[in-house]
Amino acid sequence: MTTETFSLPARRVTARTHDVLETIYSAPAPRWGSSATDHGKFLSYLVGSMVTWVVLPLVVTGAFAALLSL
């Protein structure tokens, strides 16, 4: 039985992906605040979250449908 080993760039990508996901998971959500900058950050976060939660299930469903059609 052979074991697969990842190449060095694949490990870097995996580690970087893990770091990005950890940052997203642990970072606090922006608050409304009192300045226009705070409002912009909050609205960007809100719209980005809404788009992500709509698009992500569509992508997963499409990938699953593609696998079923093989």
PDB file of N, CA and C in Angstrom:
ATOM      1  N   MET A   1       0.845  -1.176   0.000  1.00  0.00           N
ATOM      2  CA  MET A   1       0.000   0.000   0.000  1.00  0.00           C
ATOM      3  C   MET A   1       0.886   1.234   0.000  1.00  0.00           C
ATOM      4  N   THR A   2       0.579   2.159  -0.877  1.00  0.00           N
ATOM      5  CA  THR A   2       1.367   3.381  -0.947  1.00  0.00           C
ATOM      6  C   THR A   2       0.618   4.513  -0.265  1.00  0.00           C
ATOM      7  N   THR A   3       1.386   5.407   0.270  1.00  0.00           N
ATOM      8  CA  THR A   3       0.778   6.579   0.903  1.00  0.00           C
ATOM      9  C   THR A   3       1.044   7.786   0.028  1.00  0.00           C
ATOM     10  N   GLU A   4       0.061   8.646  -0.062  1.00  0.00           N
ATOM     11  CA  GLU A   4       0.223   9.868  -0.836  1.00  0.00           C
ATOM     12  C   GLU A   4       0.900  10.923   0.021  1.00  0.00           C
ATOM     13  N   THR A   5       1.821  11.614  -0.564  1.00  0.00           N
ATOM     14  CA  THR A   5       2.451  12.735   0.128  1.00  0.00           C
ATOM     15  C   THR A   5       2.179  13.990  -0.673  1.00  0.00           C
ATOM     16  N   PHE A   6       1.918  15.055   0.031  1.00  0.00           N
ATOM     17  CA  PHE A   6       1.678  16.327  -0.623  1.00  0.00           C
ATOM     18  C   PHE A   6       3.004  16.997  -0.928  1.00  0.00           C
ATOM     19  N   SER A   7       3.052  17.669  -2.040  1.00  0.00           N
ATOM     20  CA  SER A   7       4.247  18.429  -2.367  1.00  0.00           C
ATOM     21  C   SER A   7       4.295  19.682  -1.494  1.00  0.00           C
ATOM     22  N   LEU A   8       5.418  20.306  -1.473  1.00  0.00           N
ATOM     23  CA  LEU A   8       5.599  21.491  -0.636  1.00  0.00           C
ATOM     24  C   LEU A   8       4.617  22.611  -0.970  1.00  0.00           C
ATOM     25  N   PRO A   9       4.386  22.950  -2.255  1.00  0.00           N
ATOM     26  CA  PRO A   9       3.404  24.000  -2.537  1.00  0.00           C
ATOM     27  C   PRO A   9       1.983  23.624  -2.080  1.00  0.00           C
ATOM     28  N   ALA A  10       1.619  22.358  -2.184  1.00  0.00           N
ATOM     29  CA  ALA A  10       0.289  21.941  -1.738  1.00  0.00           C
ATOM     30  C   ALA A  10       0.145  22.142  -0.232  1.00  0.00           C
ATOM     31  N   ARG A  11       1.188  21.876   0.516  1.00  0.00           N
ATOM     32  CA  ARG A  11       1.152  22.101   1.967  1.00  0.00           C
ATOM     33  C   ARG A  11       0.990  23.582   2.272  1.00  0.00           C
ATOM     34  N   ARG A  12       1.679  24.414   1.509  1.00  0.00           N
ATOM     35  CA  ARG A  12       1.574  25.866   1.728  1.00  0.00           C
ATOM     36  C   ARG A  12       0.152  26.343   1.447  1.00  0.00           C
ATOM     37  N   VAL A  13      -0.437  25.837   0.371  1.00  0.00           N
ATOM     38  CA  VAL A  13      -1.804  26.226   0.036  1.00  0.00           C
ATOM     39  C   VAL A  13      -2.755  25.752   1.129  1.00  0.00           C
ATOM     40  N   THR A  14      -2.576  24.527   1.601  1.00  0.00           N
ATOM     41  CA  THR A  14      -3.425  23.994   2.662  1.00  0.00           C
ATOM     42  C   THR A  14      -3.265  24.807   3.940  1.00  0.00           C
ATOM     43  N   ALA A  15      -2.048  25.137   4.291  1.00  0.00           N
ATOM     44  CA  ALA A  15      -1.801  25.929   5.497  1.00  0.00           C
ATOM     45  C   ALA A  15      -2.380  27.329   5.347  1.00  0.00           C
ATOM     46  N   ARG A  16      -2.228  27.921   4.174  1.00  0.00           N
ATOM     47  CA  ARG A  16      -2.748  29.276   3.941  1.00  0.00           C
ATOM     48  C   ARG A  16      -4.271  29.265   3.985  1.00  0.00           C
ATOM     49  N   THR A  17      -4.871  28.250   3.373  1.00  0.00           N
ATOM     50  CA  THR A  17      -6.333  28.118   3.403  1.00  0.00           C
ATOM     51  C   THR A  17      -6.817  27.981   4.839  1.00  0.00           C
ATOM     52  N   HIS A  18      -6.125  27.182   5.630  1.00  0.00           N
ATOM     53  CA  HIS A  18      -6.488  27.012   7.031  1.00  0.00           C
ATOM     54  C   HIS A  18      -6.385  28.335   7.779  1.00  0.00           C
ATOM     55  N   ASP A  19      -5.334  29.092   7.514  1.00  0.00           N
ATOM     56  CA  ASP A  19      -5.157  30.389   8.180  1.00  0.00           C
ATOM     57  C   ASP A  19      -6.282  31.363   7.811  1.00  0.00           C
ATOM     58  N   VAL A  20      -6.644  31.397   6.539  1.00  0.00           N
ATOM     59  CA  VAL A  20      -7.716  32.296   6.095  1.00  0.00           C
ATOM     60  C   VAL A  20      -9.044  31.906   6.740  1.00  0.00           C
ATOM     61  N   LEU A  21      -9.347  30.605   6.735  1.00  0.00           N
ATOM     62  CA  LEU A  21     -10.598  30.153   7.343  1.00  0.00           C
ATOM     63  C   LEU A  21     -10.621  30.406   8.851  1.00  0.00           C
ATOM     64  N   GLU A  22      -9.503  30.239   9.510  1.00  0.00           N
ATOM     65  CA  GLU A  22      -9.422  30.518  10.942  1.00  0.00           C
ATOM     66  C   GLU A  22      -9.643  32.010  11.220  1.00  0.00           C
ATOM     67  N   THR A  23      -9.085  32.863  10.365  1.00  0.00           N
ATOM     68  CA  THR A  23      -9.276  34.304  10.520  1.00  0.00           C
ATOM     69  C   THR A  23     -10.741  34.675  10.330  1.00  0.00           C
ATOM     70  N   ILE A  24     -11.377  34.108   9.314  1.00  0.00           N
ATOM     71  CA  ILE A  24     -12.790  34.396   9.071  1.00  0.00           C
ATOM     72  C   ILE A  24     -13.638  33.922  10.241  1.00  0.00           C
ATOM     73  N   TYR A  25     -13.320  32.754  10.758  1.00  0.00           N
ATOM     74  CA  TYR A  25     -14.099  32.177  11.854  1.00  0.00           C
ATOM     75  C   TYR A  25     -13.953  32.983  13.143  1.00  0.00           C
ATOM     76  N   SER A  26     -12.741  33.430  13.437  1.00  0.00           N
ATOM     77  CA  SER A  26     -12.490  34.045  14.735  1.00  0.00           C
ATOM     78  C   SER A  26     -12.592  35.577  14.735  1.00  0.00           C
ATOM     79  N   ALA A  27     -12.634  36.194  13.565  1.00  0.00           N
ATOM     80  CA  ALA A  27     -12.690  37.659  13.512  1.00  0.00           C
ATOM     81  C   ALA A  27     -14.079  38.154  13.929  1.00  0.00           C
ATOM     82  N   PRO A  28     -14.115  39.214  14.714  1.00  0.00           N
ATOM     83  CA  PRO A  28     -15.422  39.750  15.105  1.00  0.00           C
ATOM     84  C   PRO A  28     -16.114  40.444  13.938  1.00  0.00           C
ATOM     85  N   ALA A  29     -17.419  40.387  13.918  1.00  0.00           N
ATOM     86  CA  ALA A  29     -18.188  41.093  12.898  1.00  0.00           C
ATOM     87  C   ALA A  29     -18.104  42.589  13.164  1.00  0.00           C
ATOM     88  N   PRO A  30     -18.046  43.386  12.109  1.00  0.00           N
ATOM     89  CA  PRO A  30     -18.005  44.835  12.324  1.00  0.00           C
ATOM     90  C   PRO A  30     -19.316  45.347  12.906  1.00  0.00           C
ATOM     91  N   ARG A  31     -19.219  46.425  13.633  1.00  0.00           N
ATOM     92  CA  ARG A  31     -20.404  47.054  14.223  1.00  0.00           C
ATOM     93  C   ARG A  31     -20.778  48.283  13.406  1.00  0.00           C
ATOM     94  N   TRP A  32     -22.011  48.754  13.589  1.00  0.00           N
ATOM     95  CA  TRP A  32     -22.500  49.902  12.831  1.00  0.00           C
ATOM     96  C   TRP A  32     -21.638  51.131  13.081  1.00  0.00           C
ATOM     97  N   GLY A  33     -21.291  51.408  14.316  1.00  0.00           N
ATOM     98  CA  GLY A  33     -20.400  52.513  14.644  1.00  0.00           C
ATOM     99  C   GLY A  33     -21.014  53.875  14.393  1.00  0.00           C
ATOM    100  N   SER A  34     -20.162  54.889  14.418  1.00  0.00           N
ATOM    101  CA  SER A  34     -20.663  56.260  14.284  1.00  0.00           C
ATOM    102  C   SER A  34     -20.103  56.989  13.069  1.00  0.00           C
ATOM    103  N   SER A  35     -19.089  56.447  12.428  1.00  0.00           N
ATOM    104  CA  SER A  35     -18.492  57.141  11.280  1.00  0.00           C
ATOM    105  C   SER A  35     -18.941  56.486   9.969  1.00  0.00           C
ATOM    106  N   ALA A  36     -18.728  57.199   8.885  1.00  0.00           N
ATOM    107  CA  ALA A  36     -19.074  56.669   7.562  1.00  0.00           C
ATOM    108  C   ALA A  36     -18.226  55.436   7.235  1.00  0.00           C
ATOM    109  N   THR A  37     -16.986  55.404   7.710  1.00  0.00           N
ATOM    110  CA  THR A  37     -16.125  54.246   7.483  1.00  0.00           C
ATOM    111  C   THR A  37     -16.692  53.013   8.174  1.00  0.00           C
ATOM    112  N   ASP A  38     -17.144  53.186   9.421  1.00  0.00           N
ATOM    113  CA  ASP A  38     -17.749  52.075  10.154  1.00  0.00           C
ATOM    114  C   ASP A  38     -19.012  51.580   9.454  1.00  0.00           C
ATOM    115  N   HIS A  39     -19.805  52.515   8.950  1.00  0.00           N
ATOM    116  CA  HIS A  39     -21.029  52.148   8.241  1.00  0.00           C
ATOM    117  C   HIS A  39     -20.702  51.368   6.968  1.00  0.00           C
ATOM    118  N   GLY A  40     -19.675  51.814   6.261  1.00  0.00           N
ATOM    119  CA  GLY A  40     -19.259  51.128   5.037  1.00  0.00           C
ATOM    120  C   GLY A  40     -18.768  49.718   5.305  1.00  0.00           C
ATOM    121  N   LYS A  41     -17.967  49.554   6.357  1.00  0.00           N
ATOM    122  CA  LYS A  41     -17.481  48.221   6.724  1.00  0.00           C
ATOM    123  C   LYS A  41     -18.639  47.303   7.088  1.00  0.00           C
ATOM    124  N   PHE A  42     -19.582  47.818   7.864  1.00  0.00           N
ATOM    125  CA  PHE A  42     -20.720  47.018   8.288  1.00  0.00           C
ATOM    126  C   PHE A  42     -21.561  46.604   7.082  1.00  0.00           C
ATOM    127  N   LEU A  43     -21.858  47.554   6.196  1.00  0.00           N
ATOM    128  CA  LEU A  43     -22.672  47.243   5.020  1.00  0.00           C
ATOM    129  C   LEU A  43     -21.959  46.271   4.078  1.00  0.00           C
ATOM    130  N   SER A  44     -20.648  46.419   3.928  1.00  0.00           N
ATOM    131  CA  SER A  44     -19.875  45.481   3.109  1.00  0.00           C
ATOM    132  C   SER A  44     -19.945  44.074   3.688  1.00  0.00           C
ATOM    133  N   TYR A  45     -19.799  43.985   4.991  1.00  0.00           N
ATOM    134  CA  TYR A  45     -19.874  42.693   5.666  1.00  0.00           C
ATOM    135  C   TYR A  45     -21.264  42.081   5.502  1.00  0.00           C
ATOM    136  N   LEU A  46     -22.286  42.888   5.668  1.00  0.00           N
ATOM    137  CA  LEU A  46     -23.658  42.410   5.562  1.00  0.00           C
ATOM    138  C   LEU A  46     -23.975  41.922   4.150  1.00  0.00           C
ATOM    139  N   VAL A  47     -23.658  42.729   3.158  1.00  0.00           N
ATOM    140  CA  VAL A  47     -23.925  42.343   1.772  1.00  0.00           C
ATOM    141  C   VAL A  47     -23.074  41.139   1.376  1.00  0.00           C
ATOM    142  N   GLY A  48     -21.814  41.128   1.767  1.00  0.00           N
ATOM    143  CA  GLY A  48     -20.945  39.986   1.471  1.00  0.00           C
ATOM    144  C   GLY A  48     -21.463  38.692   2.083  1.00  0.00           C
ATOM    145  N   SER A  49     -21.949  38.775   3.302  1.00  0.00           N
ATOM    146  CA  SER A  49     -22.507  37.595   3.962  1.00  0.00           C
ATOM    147  C   SER A  49     -23.762  37.106   3.244  1.00  0.00           C
ATOM    148  N   MET A  50     -24.627  38.037   2.862  1.00  0.00           N
ATOM    149  CA  MET A  50     -25.858  37.650   2.180  1.00  0.00           C
ATOM    150  C   MET A  50     -25.554  36.987   0.838  1.00  0.00           C
ATOM    151  N   VAL A  51     -24.635  37.563   0.081  1.00  0.00           N
ATOM    152  CA  VAL A  51     -24.282  36.987  -1.218  1.00  0.00           C
ATOM    153  C   VAL A  51     -23.641  35.616  -1.039  1.00  0.00           C
ATOM    154  N   THR A  52     -22.753  35.498  -0.062  1.00  0.00           N
ATOM    155  CA  THR A  52     -22.088  34.217   0.184  1.00  0.00           C
ATOM    156  C   THR A  52     -23.091  33.136   0.556  1.00  0.00           C
ATOM    157  N   TRP A  53     -24.033  33.449   1.438  1.00  0.00           N
ATOM    158  CA  TRP A  53     -25.007  32.445   1.874  1.00  0.00           C
ATOM    159  C   TRP A  53     -25.996  32.088   0.777  1.00  0.00           C
ATOM    160  N   VAL A  54     -26.156  32.926  -0.232  1.00  0.00           N
ATOM    161  CA  VAL A  54     -27.010  32.582  -1.368  1.00  0.00           C
ATOM    162  C   VAL A  54     -26.222  31.776  -2.402  1.00  0.00           C
ATOM    163  N   VAL A  55     -24.997  32.190  -2.694  1.00  0.00           N
ATOM    164  CA  VAL A  55     -24.216  31.565  -3.753  1.00  0.00           C
ATOM    165  C   VAL A  55     -23.636  30.216  -3.324  1.00  0.00           C
ATOM    166  N   LEU A  56     -23.172  30.104  -2.103  1.00  0.00           N
ATOM    167  CA  LEU A  56     -22.533  28.874  -1.648  1.00  0.00           C
ATOM    168  C   LEU A  56     -23.422  27.635  -1.795  1.00  0.00           C
ATOM    169  N   PRO A  57     -24.678  27.654  -1.352  1.00  0.00           N
ATOM    170  CA  PRO A  57     -25.515  26.467  -1.565  1.00  0.00           C
ATOM    171  C   PRO A  57     -25.749  26.154  -3.049  1.00  0.00           C
ATOM    172  N   LEU A  58     -25.811  27.191  -3.893  1.00  0.00           N
ATOM    173  CA  LEU A  58     -25.977  26.952  -5.319  1.00  0.00           C
ATOM    174  C   LEU A  58     -24.751  26.250  -5.906  1.00  0.00           C
ATOM    175  N   VAL A  59     -23.580  26.661  -5.478  1.00  0.00           N
ATOM    176  CA  VAL A  59     -22.343  26.031  -5.952  1.00  0.00           C
ATOM    177  C   VAL A  59     -22.261  24.588  -5.473  1.00  0.00           C
ATOM    178  N   VAL A  60     -22.572  24.359  -4.216  1.00  0.00           N
ATOM    179  CA  VAL A  60     -22.526  22.996  -3.672  1.00  0.00           C
ATOM    180  C   VAL A  60     -23.551  22.109  -4.372  1.00  0.00           C
ATOM    181  N   THR A  61     -24.751  22.622  -4.597  1.00  0.00           N
ATOM    182  CA  THR A  61     -25.780  21.857  -5.285  1.00  0.00           C
ATOM    183  C   THR A  61     -25.362  21.554  -6.720  1.00  0.00           C
ATOM    184  N   GLY A  62     -24.776  22.526  -7.399  1.00  0.00           N
ATOM    185  CA  GLY A  62     -24.290  22.298  -8.760  1.00  0.00           C
ATOM    186  C   GLY A  62     -23.187  21.260  -8.816  1.00  0.00           C
ATOM    187  N   ALA A  63     -22.273  21.311  -7.863  1.00  0.00           N
ATOM    188  CA  ALA A  63     -21.195  20.318  -7.818  1.00  0.00           C
ATOM    189  C   ALA A  63     -21.759  18.929  -7.537  1.00  0.00           C
ATOM    190  N   PHE A  64     -22.708  18.854  -6.640  1.00  0.00           N
ATOM    191  CA  PHE A  64     -23.332  17.573  -6.314  1.00  0.00           C
ATOM    192  C   PHE A  64     -24.087  17.029  -7.526  1.00  0.00           C
ATOM    193  N   ALA A  65     -24.805  17.871  -8.248  1.00  0.00           N
ATOM    194  CA  ALA A  65     -25.529  17.453  -9.451  1.00  0.00           C
ATOM    195  C   ALA A  65     -24.546  16.982 -10.529  1.00  0.00           C
ATOM    196  N   ALA A  66     -23.422  17.672 -10.661  1.00  0.00           N
ATOM    197  CA  ALA A  66     -22.420  17.275 -11.635  1.00  0.00           C
ATOM    198  C   ALA A  66     -21.841  15.903 -11.296  1.00  0.00           C
ATOM    199  N   LEU A  67     -21.629  15.646 -10.012  1.00  0.00           N
ATOM    200  CA  LEU A  67     -21.126  14.334  -9.603  1.00  0.00           C
ATOM    201  C   LEU A  67     -22.149  13.232  -9.866  1.00  0.00           C
ATOM    202  N   LEU A  68     -23.417  13.543  -9.646  1.00  0.00           N
ATOM    203  CA  LEU A  68     -24.454  12.537  -9.876  1.00  0.00           C
ATOM    204  C   LEU A  68     -24.644  12.215 -11.348  1.00  0.00           C
ATOM    205  N   SER A  69     -24.335  13.166 -12.216  1.00  0.00           N
ATOM    206  CA  SER A  69     -24.542  12.941 -13.638  1.00  0.00           C
ATOM    207  C   SER A  69     -23.395  12.184 -14.293  1.00  0.00           C
ATOM    208  N   LEU A  70     -22.323  11.941 -13.544  1.00  0.00           N
ATOM    209  CA  LEU A  70     -21.179  11.189 -14.110  1.00  0.00           C
ATOM    210  C   LEU A  70     -21.514   9.786 -14.290  1.00  0.00           C
TER     211      LEU A  70
END
